[in-house]
C-alpha atoms as a PDB file:
ATOM      1  CA  MET A   1      -2.220  10.078   1.446  1.00  0.00           C
ATOM      2  CA  THR A   2       0.114  11.467   4.072  1.00  0.00           C
ATOM      3  CA  ASP A   3      -1.064  12.360   7.561  1.00  0.00           C
ATOM      4  CA  GLU A   4       2.302  13.786   8.504  1.00  0.00           C
ATOM      5  CA  PRO A   5       2.005  17.440   9.553  1.00  0.00           C
ATOM      6  CA  GLY A   6       3.934  20.446   8.384  1.00  0.00           C
ATOM      7  CA  THR A   7       6.659  20.707   5.818  1.00  0.00           C
ATOM      8  CA  ARG A   8       7.553  16.996   5.739  1.00  0.00           C
ATOM      9  CA  GLY A   9       3.948  16.137   4.985  1.00  0.00           C
ATOM     10  CA  ARG A  10       3.745  18.772   2.262  1.00  0.00           C
ATOM     11  CA  ILE A  11       6.984  17.498   0.714  1.00  0.00           C
ATOM     12  CA  MET A  12       5.613  13.948   0.698  1.00  0.00           C
ATOM     13  CA  ALA A  13       2.281  15.016  -0.818  1.00  0.00           C
ATOM     14  CA  ILE A  14       4.017  17.054  -3.534  1.00  0.00           C
ATOM     15  CA  ALA A  15       6.485  14.263  -4.239  1.00  0.00           C
ATOM     16  CA  LEU A  16       3.682  11.722  -4.615  1.00  0.00           C
ATOM     17  CA  GLU A  17       1.846  14.053  -6.979  1.00  0.00           C
ATOM     18  CA  LEU A  18       4.980  14.675  -9.073  1.00  0.00           C
ATOM     19  CA  PHE A  19       6.076  11.023  -9.032  1.00  0.00           C
ATOM     20  CA  SER A  20       2.601  10.083 -10.275  1.00  0.00           C
ATOM     21  CA  ALA A  21       2.578  12.738 -12.999  1.00  0.00           C
ATOM     22  CA  GLN A  22       6.205  12.641 -14.172  1.00  0.00           C
ATOM     23  CA  GLY A  23       7.454   9.289 -12.896  1.00  0.00           C
ATOM     24  CA  TYR A  24       9.938   8.679 -10.120  1.00  0.00           C
ATOM     25  CA  ALA A  25      12.947   8.890 -12.433  1.00  0.00           C
ATOM     26  CA  GLY A  26      11.496  11.968 -14.156  1.00  0.00           C
ATOM     27  CA  THR A  27      11.113  13.928 -10.935  1.00  0.00           C
ATOM     28  CA  SER A  28      14.072  15.717  -9.407  1.00  0.00           C
ATOM     29  CA  VAL A  29      14.581  17.139  -5.949  1.00  0.00           C
ATOM     30  CA  ALA A  30      14.603  20.541  -7.668  1.00  0.00           C
ATOM     31  CA  ASP A  31      11.118  19.819  -9.072  1.00  0.00           C
ATOM     32  CA  ILE A  32       9.833  18.988  -5.596  1.00  0.00           C
ATOM     33  CA  ALA A  33      11.503  22.028  -4.019  1.00  0.00           C
ATOM     34  CA  GLY A  34      10.165  24.282  -6.783  1.00  0.00           C
ATOM     35  CA  ARG A  35       6.591  23.075  -6.295  1.00  0.00           C
ATOM     36  CA  LEU A  36       7.022  23.495  -2.541  1.00  0.00           C
ATOM     37  CA  GLY A  37       8.288  27.041  -3.071  1.00  0.00           C
ATOM     38  CA  THR A  38      11.605  26.490  -1.331  1.00  0.00           C
ATOM     39  CA  THR A  39      15.216  25.712  -2.141  1.00  0.00           C
ATOM     40  CA  LYS A  40      16.774  22.295  -2.546  1.00  0.00           C
ATOM     41  CA  ALA A  41      18.881  23.035   0.536  1.00  0.00           C
ATOM     42  CA  ALA A  42      15.733  23.630   2.591  1.00  0.00           C
ATOM     43  CA  LEU A  43      14.228  20.387   1.293  1.00  0.00           C
ATOM     44  CA  TYR A  44      17.419  18.515   2.191  1.00  0.00           C
ATOM     45  CA  TYR A  45      16.912  19.665   5.785  1.00  0.00           C
ATOM     46  CA  HIS A  46      13.861  17.359   5.905  1.00  0.00           C
ATOM     47  CA  PHE A  47      14.971  14.573   3.536  1.00  0.00           C
ATOM     48  CA  GLY A  48      18.518  13.715   2.517  1.00  0.00           C
ATOM     49  CA  SER A  49      17.502  12.486  -0.930  1.00  0.00           C
ATOM     50  CA  LYS A  50      14.652  11.690  -3.271  1.00  0.00           C
ATOM     51  CA  ALA A  51      15.025   8.056  -2.158  1.00  0.00           C
ATOM     52  CA  GLU A  52      14.387   9.096   1.463  1.00  0.00           C
ATOM     53  CA  ILE A  53      11.163  10.781   0.359  1.00  0.00           C
ATOM     54  CA  LEU A  54      10.117   7.560  -1.361  1.00  0.00           C
ATOM     55  CA  ASP A  55      10.995   5.610   1.801  1.00  0.00           C
ATOM     56  CA  ALA A  56       8.775   7.934   3.843  1.00  0.00           C
ATOM     57  CA  LEU A  57       5.923   7.494   1.358  1.00  0.00           C
ATOM     58  CA  LEU A  58       6.296   3.716   1.524  1.00  0.00           C
ATOM     59  CA  GLY A  59       6.595   3.758   5.291  1.00  0.00           C
ATOM     60  CA  GLU A  60       2.995   4.875   5.838  1.00  0.00           C
ATOM     61  CA  PRO A  61       1.207   1.979   4.103  1.00  0.00           C
ATOM     62  CA  LEU A  62       3.770  -0.561   5.316  1.00  0.00           C
ATOM     63  CA  ALA A  63       3.207   0.606   8.881  1.00  0.00           C
ATOM     64  CA  ALA A  64      -0.552   0.290   8.371  1.00  0.00           C
ATOM     65  CA  TYR A  65      -0.175  -3.283   7.077  1.00  0.00           C
ATOM     66  CA  ALA A  66       2.219  -4.056   9.954  1.00  0.00           C
ATOM     67  CA  ARG A  67      -0.461  -2.856  12.409  1.00  0.00           C
ATOM     68  CA  LEU A  68      -2.768  -5.448  10.835  1.00  0.00           C
ATOM     69  CA  VAL A  69      -0.232  -8.148  11.665  1.00  0.00           C
ATOM     70  CA  HIS A  70      -0.067  -7.051  15.295  1.00  0.00           C
ATOM     71  CA  SER A  71      -3.721  -6.161  15.879  1.00  0.00           C
ATOM     72  CA  GLY A  72      -4.570  -9.376  17.649  1.00  0.00           C
ATOM     73  CA  PRO A  73      -7.192 -12.065  17.231  1.00  0.00           C
ATOM     74  CA  ARG A  74      -9.971 -11.429  14.739  1.00  0.00           C
ATOM     75  CA  THR A  75     -12.185 -13.208  12.293  1.00  0.00           C
ATOM     76  CA  LEU A  76     -11.072 -13.785   8.730  1.00  0.00           C
ATOM     77  CA  GLU A  77     -13.827 -11.404   7.662  1.00  0.00           C
ATOM     78  CA  ASP A  78     -12.408  -8.687   9.934  1.00  0.00           C
ATOM     79  CA  LEU A  79      -8.910  -9.282   8.562  1.00  0.00           C
ATOM     80  CA  LEU A  80     -10.022  -9.090   4.930  1.00  0.00           C
ATOM     81  CA  ALA A  81     -12.084  -5.959   5.664  1.00  0.00           C
ATOM     82  CA  ALA A  82      -9.004  -4.364   7.246  1.00  0.00           C
ATOM     83  CA  VAL A  83      -6.897  -5.277   4.188  1.00  0.00           C
ATOM     84  CA  ILE A  84      -9.498  -3.623   1.933  1.00  0.00           C
ATOM     85  CA  ASP A  85      -9.595  -0.475   4.091  1.00  0.00           C
ATOM     86  CA  THR A  86      -5.805  -0.237   4.383  1.00  0.00           C
ATOM     87  CA  THR A  87      -5.362  -0.734   0.657  1.00  0.00           C
ATOM     88  CA  ALA A  88      -7.980   1.919  -0.134  1.00  0.00           C
ATOM     89  CA  GLU A  89      -6.228   4.405   2.152  1.00  0.00           C
ATOM     90  CA  SER A  90      -2.908   3.917   0.345  1.00  0.00           C
ATOM     91  CA  SER A  91      -4.254   3.624  -3.183  1.00  0.00           C
ATOM     92  CA  GLY A  92      -2.425   6.750  -4.393  1.00  0.00           C
ATOM     93  CA  LEU A  93       0.929   5.131  -3.749  1.00  0.00           C
ATOM     94  CA  HIS A  94      -0.224   1.850  -5.283  1.00  0.00           C
ATOM     95  CA  GLY A  95      -1.191   3.772  -8.420  1.00  0.00           C
ATOM     96  CA  LEU A  96       2.327   5.133  -8.666  1.00  0.00           C
ATOM     97  CA  ILE A  97       3.821   1.684  -8.250  1.00  0.00           C
ATOM     98  CA  ALA A  98       1.594   0.198 -10.923  1.00  0.00           C
ATOM     99  CA  SER A  99       2.153   2.881 -13.530  1.00  0.00           C
ATOM    100  CA  ASP A 100       5.861   3.695 -13.219  1.00  0.00           C
ATOM    101  CA  PRO A 101       8.571   1.122 -13.986  1.00  0.00           C
ATOM    102  CA  SER A 102      11.275   3.310 -12.433  1.00  0.00           C
ATOM    103  CA  ALA A 103       9.242   3.575  -9.229  1.00  0.00           C
ATOM    104  CA  ARG A 104       8.624  -0.195  -9.165  1.00  0.00           C
ATOM    105  CA  ALA A 105      12.352  -0.844  -9.441  1.00  0.00           C
ATOM    106  CA  ALA A 106      13.163   1.638  -6.666  1.00  0.00           C
ATOM    107  CA  ILE A 107      10.320   0.376  -4.499  1.00  0.00           C
ATOM    108  CA  ARG A 108      11.033  -3.344  -4.859  1.00  0.00           C
ATOM    109  CA  GLU A 109      14.259  -3.166  -2.873  1.00  0.00           C
ATOM    110  CA  ARG A 110      12.931  -0.669  -0.352  1.00  0.00           C
ATOM    111  CA  THR A 111       9.820  -2.686   0.472  1.00  0.00           C
ATOM    112  CA  ARG A 112      11.937  -5.777   1.054  1.00  0.00           C
ATOM    113  CA  ARG A 113      14.186  -3.827   3.384  1.00  0.00           C
ATOM    114  CA  LEU A 114      11.171  -2.370   5.205  1.00  0.00           C
ATOM    115  CA  GLY A 115       9.645  -5.816   5.796  1.00  0.00           C
ATOM    116  CA  ALA A 116       6.825  -6.018   3.235  1.00  0.00           C
ATOM    117  CA  ASP A 117       7.480  -9.687   2.436  1.00  0.00           C
ATOM    118  CA  GLU A 118       7.228 -10.658   6.108  1.00  0.00           C
ATOM    119  CA  ILE A 119       4.021  -8.655   6.519  1.00  0.00           C
ATOM    120  CA  ASN A 120       2.414 -10.316   3.494  1.00  0.00           C
ATOM    121  CA  ASP A 121       3.571 -13.770   4.583  1.00  0.00           C
ATOM    122  CA  THR A 122       2.116 -13.277   8.071  1.00  0.00           C
ATOM    123  CA  LEU A 123      -1.243 -12.062   6.758  1.00  0.00           C
ATOM    124  CA  LEU A 124      -1.399 -14.945   4.278  1.00  0.00           C
ATOM    125  CA  ALA A 125      -0.586 -17.448   7.037  1.00  0.00           C
ATOM    126  CA  GLU A 126      -3.405 -16.050   9.147  1.00  0.00           C
ATOM    127  CA  LEU A 127      -5.829 -16.397   6.231  1.00  0.00           C
ATOM    128  CA  ALA A 128      -4.657 -19.959   5.516  1.00  0.00           C
ATOM    129  CA  GLY A 129      -4.918 -21.078   9.129  1.00  0.00           C
ATOM    130  CA  PRO A 130      -2.858 -23.631  11.037  1.00  0.00           C
ATOM    131  CA  ARG A 131      -1.406 -26.543   9.054  1.00  0.00           C
ATOM    132  CA  PRO A 132      -3.130 -25.552   5.813  1.00  0.00           C
ATOM    133  CA  SER A 133      -3.459 -27.851   2.840  1.00  0.00           C
ATOM    134  CA  ALA A 134      -2.094 -26.719  -0.498  1.00  0.00           C
ATOM    135  CA  ALA A 135      -5.632 -25.876  -1.584  1.00  0.00           C
ATOM    136  CA  ARG A 136      -6.150 -23.750   1.531  1.00  0.00           C
ATOM    137  CA  ARG A 137      -2.893 -21.846   0.874  1.00  0.00           C
ATOM    138  CA  VAL A 138      -4.062 -21.146  -2.684  1.00  0.00           C
ATOM    139  CA  ALA A 139      -7.440 -19.982  -1.350  1.00  0.00           C
ATOM    140  CA  ALA A 140      -5.683 -17.645   1.112  1.00  0.00           C
ATOM    141  CA  HIS A 141      -3.628 -16.132  -1.716  1.00  0.00           C
ATOM    142  CA  ALA A 142      -6.784 -15.737  -3.827  1.00  0.00           C
ATOM    143  CA  ALA A 143      -8.692 -14.031  -0.993  1.00  0.00           C
ATOM    144  CA  TYR A 144      -5.774 -11.689  -0.274  1.00  0.00           C
ATOM    145  CA  ALA A 145      -5.472 -10.851  -3.983  1.00  0.00           C
ATOM    146  CA  VAL A 146      -9.191 -10.135  -4.231  1.00  0.00           C
ATOM    147  CA  ALA A 147      -8.995  -7.832  -1.210  1.00  0.00           C
ATOM    148  CA  LYS A 148      -5.906  -5.935  -2.378  1.00  0.00           C
ATOM    149  CA  GLN A 149      -6.103  -5.981  -6.168  1.00  0.00           C
ATOM    150  CA  GLY A 150      -9.882  -5.650  -6.221  1.00  0.00           C
ATOM    151  CA  THR A 151      -9.614  -2.584  -4.017  1.00  0.00           C
ATOM    152  CA  LEU A 152      -6.939  -1.057  -6.235  1.00  0.00           C
ATOM    153  CA  SER A 153      -9.027  -1.716  -9.336  1.00  0.00           C
ATOM    154  CA  LEU A 154     -12.100  -0.127  -7.783  1.00  0.00           C
ATOM    155  CA  MET A 155     -10.116   2.884  -6.576  1.00  0.00           C
ATOM    156  CA  ALA A 156      -8.555   3.349 -10.021  1.00  0.00           C
ATOM    157  CA  GLU A 157     -11.948   3.092 -11.689  1.00  0.00           C
ATOM    158  CA  ILE A 158     -14.059   5.354  -9.496  1.00  0.00           C
ATOM    159  CA  GLY A 159     -11.494   7.114  -7.307  1.00  0.00           C
ATOM    160  CA  ARG A 160     -13.035   6.209  -3.954  1.00  0.00           C
ATOM    161  CA  MET A 161     -14.268   3.304  -1.893  1.00  0.00           C
ATOM    162  CA  THR A 162     -18.033   3.084  -1.624  1.00  0.00           C
ATOM    163  CA  PRO A 163     -19.854   1.060   1.031  1.00  0.00           C
ATOM    164  CA  ARG A 164     -21.343  -1.134  -1.690  1.00  0.00           C
ATOM    165  CA  GLY A 165     -17.959  -1.663  -3.365  1.00  0.00           C
ATOM    166  CA  ARG A 166     -16.389  -2.558  -0.018  1.00  0.00           C
ATOM    167  CA  ALA A 167     -19.160  -5.041   0.735  1.00  0.00           C
ATOM    168  CA  GLU A 168     -18.829  -6.655  -2.702  1.00  0.00           C
ATOM    169  CA  LEU A 169     -15.049  -6.937  -2.393  1.00  0.00           C
ATOM    170  CA  LEU A 170     -15.314  -8.434   1.068  1.00  0.00           C
ATOM    171  CA  ALA A 171     -17.925 -10.963  -0.101  1.00  0.00           C
ATOM    172  CA  ALA A 172     -15.747 -11.949  -3.074  1.00  0.00           C
ATOM    173  CA  ALA A 173     -12.668 -12.373  -0.863  1.00  0.00           C
ATOM    174  CA  LEU A 174     -14.631 -14.509   1.592  1.00  0.00           C
ATOM    175  CA  ARG A 175     -15.968 -16.643  -1.269  1.00  0.00           C
ATOM    176  CA  ALA A 176     -12.370 -17.346  -2.280  1.00  0.00           C
ATOM    177  CA  LEU A 177     -11.892 -18.895   1.174  1.00  0.00           C
ATOM    178  CA  ASP A 178     -15.283 -20.622   1.490  1.00  0.00           C
ATOM    179  CA  ASP A 179     -14.541 -23.608  -0.748  1.00  0.00           C
ATOM    180  CA  GLN A 180     -11.529 -24.521   1.368  1.00  0.00           C
ATOM    181  CA  ARG A 181     -12.727 -23.755   4.897  1.00  0.00           C
ATOM    182  CA  SER A 182     -11.635 -26.344   7.408  1.00  0.00           C
END
């Protein structure tokens, strides 16, 4: 999940593993430090709190989705394919969010602060197109949901994204838009 090198990356990977296994509320900084084989004081050198670790974990997928917003002109098919790929890459964190009420509560505020609502709104607007009808806005939401939630479902079921699964998800997301194309 994390591409960050060195100790910070190891802390984030261990934290994600422990948050997933024990829950966010059920995992302490001492648990993370113990698994890392260091002291809490050494861990605090890299992260000031458990919440900062969660922020760093959230920062990776949010940055990836933000790159989608700023990646320039593309077809709707390219955008939906990128949403599928980005979601697949961050599926471990999505699994934590889905399965842990304490993590969802902690994440809800953090994702708002980190701009997740604006990212989603921008991607949805791109899918809906200029001056969309109500039906087109609904179709954009449906296509986005197919791309994201379908990917998460597939990843939860088989643990990886296959070329066939990706193609089927992309086709389903595009079908959600087809009935309302301008």
